[in-house]
Amino acid sequence: MEAGIRKSKPRFRSKKMIKQYANAIKRKRGPSLPGFLDFSVFSSLMSELIACWNQPCRDLLDTVCDYVQQACETIAASVVPTTYMELLNVFQEAVADVVRDFKKELGPKIRELMEREHATYYTQNHYYMDTVNKIRLDRFQAKLREGHANVTNVESVSKIYMSMHGIGNESNEMQDAADMNILAEAYWKVASKRYIDNVSMVMMNDILGQLPNRIESRLMEVVVGGEIMTFFAQSAADVSRRKRLEEKIVRLKKASQTLRSCLLGEGGV
């Protein structure tokens, strides 16, 4: 899931992304003073980005449930003798039932986590502002590498600052968009880490924490509701082989008795 969410991360630092933010600001902000973050525009844009996390999360749930079922079936196959296939089938069906129940229960819980991310774009994590400042530093250093490596005076630094912020060249919306883009990238990073942790904890608690007891309860329901001996029924091939062996034993016993009678008869003569 983490890899999928990272893959959905847009190219925040591209000119195309900043222009998209500028168009949204121009379209949605209305008559307000430039220079102040329009939270409604920010929320609208973040909503589109966070919606991209849905698919990686669903993929994670499917993958985890598949792994759990495969692991349980492998363990059962290594413990239950192959002669008792009915017992093995009962265990595998119980595991499949439990995994299906988990998927049904976890779906709403994960959707609730997603709805919470959409409901409020907020954090008290100081890592958010740390990231904002780190992005600003990265962009400043990038400008230095673009041809301003020899910074020798205040005038050089001023030119770099002006080129970074589009002073004299960009519209109000584009300059606002550049700042909003930094905040959006920082918040996306913080919120995605929070979401990944929350989803992972829900899955660990519900699946790994409850799996053994749920499987045991399901098996007890099956056992109580059925005939115990049917779980130990052998395959038709094993039954046929056992019957042939039992008949062979009977014949050998009869032959042994006949031989013993003959030997005793000869001894008596």
Protein backbone atom coordinates (compact mmCIF):
# COMPACT_ATOMS: atom_id res chain seq x y z
CA MET A 1 0.00 0.00 0.00
CA GLU A 2 2.79 2.41 0.90
CA ALA A 3 4.39 1.93 -2.51
CA GLY A 4 1.04 2.44 -4.23
CA ILE A 5 0.36 5.66 -2.34
CA ARG A 6 3.84 6.97 -3.08
CA LYS A 7 3.27 6.15 -6.74
CA SER A 8 0.12 8.28 -6.69
CA LYS A 9 2.08 11.31 -5.48
CA PRO A 10 1.84 14.04 -8.14
CA ARG A 11 4.81 16.04 -9.39
CA PHE A 12 4.28 18.93 -6.99
CA ARG A 13 7.34 20.83 -8.16
CA SER A 14 6.45 20.80 -11.85
CA LYS A 15 5.30 23.98 -13.59
CA LYS A 16 2.21 22.15 -14.80
CA MET A 17 1.16 21.41 -11.21
CA ILE A 18 1.68 25.00 -10.08
CA LYS A 19 -0.30 26.27 -13.07
CA GLN A 20 -3.11 23.87 -12.15
CA TYR A 21 -3.16 25.38 -8.65
CA ALA A 22 -3.14 28.89 -10.09
CA ASN A 23 -6.14 28.11 -12.31
CA ALA A 24 -8.01 26.65 -9.34
CA ILE A 25 -7.26 29.74 -7.23
CA LYS A 26 -8.43 32.03 -10.01
CA ARG A 27 -11.59 29.98 -10.56
CA LYS A 28 -12.65 29.29 -6.96
CA ARG A 29 -11.26 31.97 -4.69
CA GLY A 30 -13.42 34.89 -5.77
CA PRO A 31 -12.78 38.49 -4.73
CA SER A 32 -10.22 38.05 -1.96
CA LEU A 33 -6.83 39.59 -1.31
CA PRO A 34 -3.89 37.65 -2.80
CA GLY A 35 -1.21 36.44 -0.43
CA PHE A 36 -3.53 34.56 1.94
CA LEU A 37 -4.06 30.83 1.66
CA ASP A 38 -7.54 30.07 0.37
CA PHE A 39 -8.42 27.02 2.43
CA SER A 40 -11.40 26.06 0.27
CA VAL A 41 -9.14 25.84 -2.79
CA PHE A 42 -6.52 23.94 -0.80
CA SER A 43 -9.16 21.48 0.51
CA SER A 44 -10.60 20.90 -2.96
CA LEU A 45 -7.21 20.10 -4.42
CA MET A 46 -6.17 17.86 -1.51
CA SER A 47 -9.45 15.96 -1.79
CA GLU A 48 -8.57 14.94 -5.35
CA LEU A 49 -5.09 13.82 -4.29
CA ILE A 50 -6.23 11.83 -1.26
CA ALA A 51 -8.89 10.05 -3.33
CA CYS A 52 -6.00 8.37 -5.18
CA TRP A 53 -5.18 6.41 -2.00
CA ASN A 54 -8.33 4.28 -2.26
CA GLN A 55 -7.04 1.76 -4.78
CA PRO A 56 -3.69 1.00 -3.04
CA CYS A 57 -5.62 0.46 0.19
CA ARG A 58 -8.07 -1.97 -1.44
CA ASP A 59 -5.15 -3.79 -3.05
CA LEU A 60 -3.47 -4.11 0.36
CA LEU A 61 -6.61 -5.59 1.93
CA ASP A 62 -6.95 -8.14 -0.87
CA THR A 63 -3.26 -9.05 -0.68
CA VAL A 64 -3.21 -9.43 3.11
CA CYS A 65 -6.33 -11.61 3.10
CA ASP A 66 -4.89 -13.80 0.32
CA TYR A 67 -1.60 -14.22 2.21
CA VAL A 68 -3.42 -15.07 5.44
CA GLN A 69 -5.56 -17.71 3.74
CA GLN A 70 -2.58 -19.24 1.92
CA ALA A 71 -0.50 -19.33 5.12
CA CYS A 72 -3.30 -21.00 7.11
CA GLU A 73 -3.91 -23.57 4.37
CA THR A 74 -0.19 -24.36 4.17
CA ILE A 75 0.03 -24.86 7.94
CA ALA A 76 -3.07 -27.08 7.93
CA ALA A 77 -1.72 -29.19 5.06
CA SER A 78 1.51 -29.77 6.99
CA VAL A 79 -0.33 -30.85 10.17
CA VAL A 80 -3.39 -32.79 8.98
CA PRO A 81 -2.52 -36.25 7.50
CA THR A 82 -3.36 -36.57 3.82
CA THR A 83 -5.57 -39.56 4.66
CA TYR A 84 -8.08 -37.20 6.30
CA MET A 85 -8.90 -34.95 3.37
CA GLU A 86 -12.37 -34.20 4.73
CA LEU A 87 -10.85 -32.74 7.89
CA LEU A 88 -8.45 -30.64 5.80
CA ASN A 89 -11.32 -29.39 3.63
CA VAL A 90 -13.31 -28.42 6.73
CA PHE A 91 -10.36 -26.40 8.07
CA GLN A 92 -9.77 -24.66 4.74
CA GLU A 93 -13.47 -23.76 4.44
CA ALA A 94 -13.42 -22.36 7.98
CA VAL A 95 -10.39 -20.19 7.17
CA ALA A 96 -12.02 -18.97 3.95
CA ASP A 97 -15.18 -18.02 5.90
CA VAL A 98 -13.15 -16.10 8.49
CA VAL A 99 -11.13 -14.24 5.83
CA ARG A 100 -14.33 -13.25 3.98
CA ASP A 101 -15.77 -11.94 7.26
CA PHE A 102 -12.61 -9.92 7.87
CA LYS A 103 -12.86 -8.29 4.43
CA LYS A 104 -16.49 -7.37 5.03
CA GLU A 105 -15.71 -5.88 8.44
CA LEU A 106 -12.53 -4.05 7.45
CA GLY A 107 -14.06 -2.36 4.40
CA PRO A 108 -16.21 0.09 6.42
CA LYS A 109 -13.40 0.74 8.92
CA ILE A 110 -10.96 1.67 6.17
CA ARG A 111 -13.58 3.84 4.46
CA GLU A 112 -14.05 5.64 7.77
CA LEU A 113 -10.32 6.40 7.90
CA MET A 114 -10.50 7.78 4.36
CA GLU A 115 -13.57 9.89 5.19
CA ARG A 116 -11.72 11.28 8.20
CA GLU A 117 -8.86 12.40 5.95
CA HIS A 118 -11.38 14.10 3.65
CA ALA A 119 -13.36 15.68 6.50
CA THR A 120 -10.55 17.72 8.07
CA TYR A 121 -7.23 18.76 6.57
CA TYR A 122 -5.36 19.29 9.80
CA THR A 123 -2.30 18.18 11.74
CA GLN A 124 -0.45 19.11 14.92
CA ASN A 125 2.61 17.21 13.79
CA HIS A 126 5.55 19.63 13.70
CA TYR A 127 6.93 17.52 10.88
CA TYR A 128 4.51 19.40 8.61
CA MET A 129 6.23 22.78 9.01
CA ASP A 130 9.63 21.05 9.06
CA THR A 131 8.74 19.64 5.64
CA VAL A 132 7.50 23.01 4.38
CA ASN A 133 10.82 24.63 5.26
CA LYS A 134 12.78 21.67 3.86
CA ILE A 135 10.94 21.99 0.52
CA ARG A 136 11.70 25.70 0.42
CA LEU A 137 15.36 24.95 1.10
CA ASP A 138 15.40 22.27 -1.61
CA ARG A 139 13.95 24.69 -4.14
CA PHE A 140 16.46 27.37 -3.16
CA GLN A 141 19.32 24.91 -3.58
CA ALA A 142 17.89 23.81 -6.93
CA LYS A 143 17.99 27.42 -8.11
CA LEU A 144 21.62 27.63 -7.05
CA ARG A 145 22.41 24.59 -9.17
CA GLU A 146 20.70 26.18 -12.18
CA GLY A 147 23.56 28.59 -12.73
CA HIS A 148 23.91 30.63 -9.60
CA ALA A 149 26.52 28.48 -7.97
CA ASN A 150 28.91 31.43 -7.53
CA VAL A 151 26.97 33.52 -5.06
CA THR A 152 29.32 36.26 -3.97
CA ASN A 153 27.12 39.15 -2.86
CA VAL A 154 23.66 40.22 -1.70
CA GLU A 155 22.64 41.16 -5.26
CA SER A 156 23.15 37.57 -6.42
CA VAL A 157 20.99 36.24 -3.61
CA SER A 158 18.33 38.82 -4.43
CA LYS A 159 18.20 37.69 -8.05
CA ILE A 160 17.80 34.08 -6.95
CA TYR A 161 14.98 35.04 -4.58
CA MET A 162 13.19 37.01 -7.29
CA SER A 163 13.49 34.14 -9.80
CA MET A 164 12.10 31.69 -7.25
CA HIS A 165 9.05 33.80 -6.45
CA GLY A 166 8.38 35.15 -9.92
CA ILE A 167 8.64 38.77 -8.80
CA GLY A 168 7.79 41.04 -11.70
CA ASN A 169 7.03 38.16 -14.05
CA GLU A 170 4.14 36.10 -12.63
CA SER A 171 0.50 36.85 -11.87
CA ASN A 172 -0.85 36.98 -8.33
CA GLU A 173 -2.43 33.55 -8.81
CA MET A 174 0.81 31.96 -9.98
CA GLN A 175 2.72 33.36 -7.01
CA ASP A 176 0.01 32.22 -4.61
CA ALA A 177 -0.02 28.83 -6.33
CA ALA A 178 3.72 28.40 -5.78
CA ASP A 179 3.26 28.90 -2.03
CA MET A 180 0.14 26.70 -1.88
CA ASN A 181 1.98 24.01 -3.80
CA ILE A 182 4.66 23.86 -1.10
CA LEU A 183 2.04 23.55 1.63
CA ALA A 184 0.17 20.89 -0.34
CA GLU A 185 3.29 18.79 -0.87
CA ALA A 186 4.19 18.97 2.83
CA TYR A 187 0.66 18.15 3.97
CA TRP A 188 0.38 15.27 1.47
CA LYS A 189 3.53 13.74 2.93
CA VAL A 190 2.37 14.04 6.54
CA ALA A 191 -1.20 12.92 5.85
CA SER A 192 -0.14 9.93 3.73
CA LYS A 193 2.17 8.66 6.47
CA ARG A 194 -0.63 9.06 9.01
CA TYR A 195 -3.10 7.20 6.78
CA ILE A 196 -0.67 4.36 6.07
CA ASP A 197 -0.03 3.90 9.80
CA ASN A 198 -3.74 3.98 10.68
CA VAL A 199 -4.73 1.46 8.01
CA SER A 200 -1.84 -0.83 8.95
CA MET A 201 -2.79 -0.74 12.64
CA VAL A 202 -6.44 -1.54 11.88
CA MET A 203 -5.43 -4.53 9.78
CA MET A 204 -2.90 -5.79 12.32
CA ASN A 205 -5.38 -5.51 15.18
CA ASP A 206 -8.34 -7.04 13.35
CA ILE A 207 -6.60 -9.74 11.33
CA LEU A 208 -3.43 -10.76 13.14
CA GLY A 209 -4.82 -10.03 16.61
CA GLN A 210 -8.11 -11.88 16.19
CA LEU A 211 -7.38 -14.54 13.55
CA PRO A 212 -6.58 -17.56 15.80
CA ASN A 213 -9.65 -17.09 18.01
CA ARG A 214 -11.93 -16.50 15.03
CA ILE A 215 -10.74 -19.67 13.27
CA GLU A 216 -11.10 -21.69 16.47
CA SER A 217 -14.63 -20.40 17.01
CA ARG A 218 -15.57 -21.20 13.43
CA LEU A 219 -14.18 -24.74 13.71
CA MET A 220 -16.10 -25.30 16.96
CA GLU A 221 -19.32 -24.26 15.21
CA VAL A 222 -18.65 -26.81 12.47
CA VAL A 223 -17.75 -29.57 14.93
CA VAL A 224 -20.76 -29.01 17.16
CA GLY A 225 -23.10 -28.90 14.19
CA GLY A 226 -21.86 -32.10 12.50
CA GLU A 227 -20.77 -35.67 13.03
CA ILE A 228 -17.21 -35.85 14.31
CA MET A 229 -16.40 -39.08 12.48
CA THR A 230 -17.28 -37.58 9.10
CA PHE A 231 -14.26 -35.28 9.43
CA PHE A 232 -12.02 -38.32 9.61
CA ALA A 233 -13.57 -40.11 6.64
CA GLN A 234 -10.96 -41.55 4.33
CA SER A 235 -10.87 -41.30 0.57
CA ALA A 236 -12.47 -44.01 -1.59
CA ALA A 237 -9.02 -45.21 -2.67
CA ASP A 238 -7.88 -45.57 0.95
CA VAL A 239 -11.10 -47.38 1.89
CA SER A 240 -10.69 -49.79 -1.01
CA ARG A 241 -7.05 -50.40 -0.13
CA ARG A 242 -7.93 -50.97 3.53
CA LYS A 243 -10.66 -53.45 2.51
CA ARG A 244 -8.24 -55.42 0.34
CA LEU A 245 -5.71 -55.53 3.17
CA GLU A 246 -8.32 -56.68 5.66
CA GLU A 247 -9.45 -59.44 3.28
CA LYS A 248 -5.83 -60.46 2.79
CA ILE A 249 -5.38 -60.64 6.56
CA VAL A 250 -8.45 -62.86 6.84
CA ARG A 251 -7.10 -65.19 4.16
CA LEU A 252 -3.70 -65.34 5.82
CA LYS A 253 -5.29 -66.18 9.17
CA LYS A 254 -7.32 -68.98 7.56
CA ALA A 255 -4.22 -70.29 5.82
CA SER A 256 -2.33 -70.16 9.09
CA GLN A 257 -5.05 -72.10 10.88
CA THR A 258 -5.19 -74.69 8.09
CA LEU A 259 -1.42 -75.11 8.16
CA ARG A 260 -1.45 -75.46 11.93
CA SER A 261 -4.19 -78.13 11.70
CA CYS A 262 -2.21 -80.07 9.13
CA LEU A 263 0.95 -79.95 11.23
CA LEU A 264 -0.90 -81.05 14.34
CA GLY A 265 -2.57 -83.86 12.35
CA GLU A 266 0.79 -85.15 11.11
CA GLY A 267 2.22 -84.98 14.59
CA GLY A 268 -0.65 -87.04 15.91
CA VAL A 269 0.02 -89.82 13.34
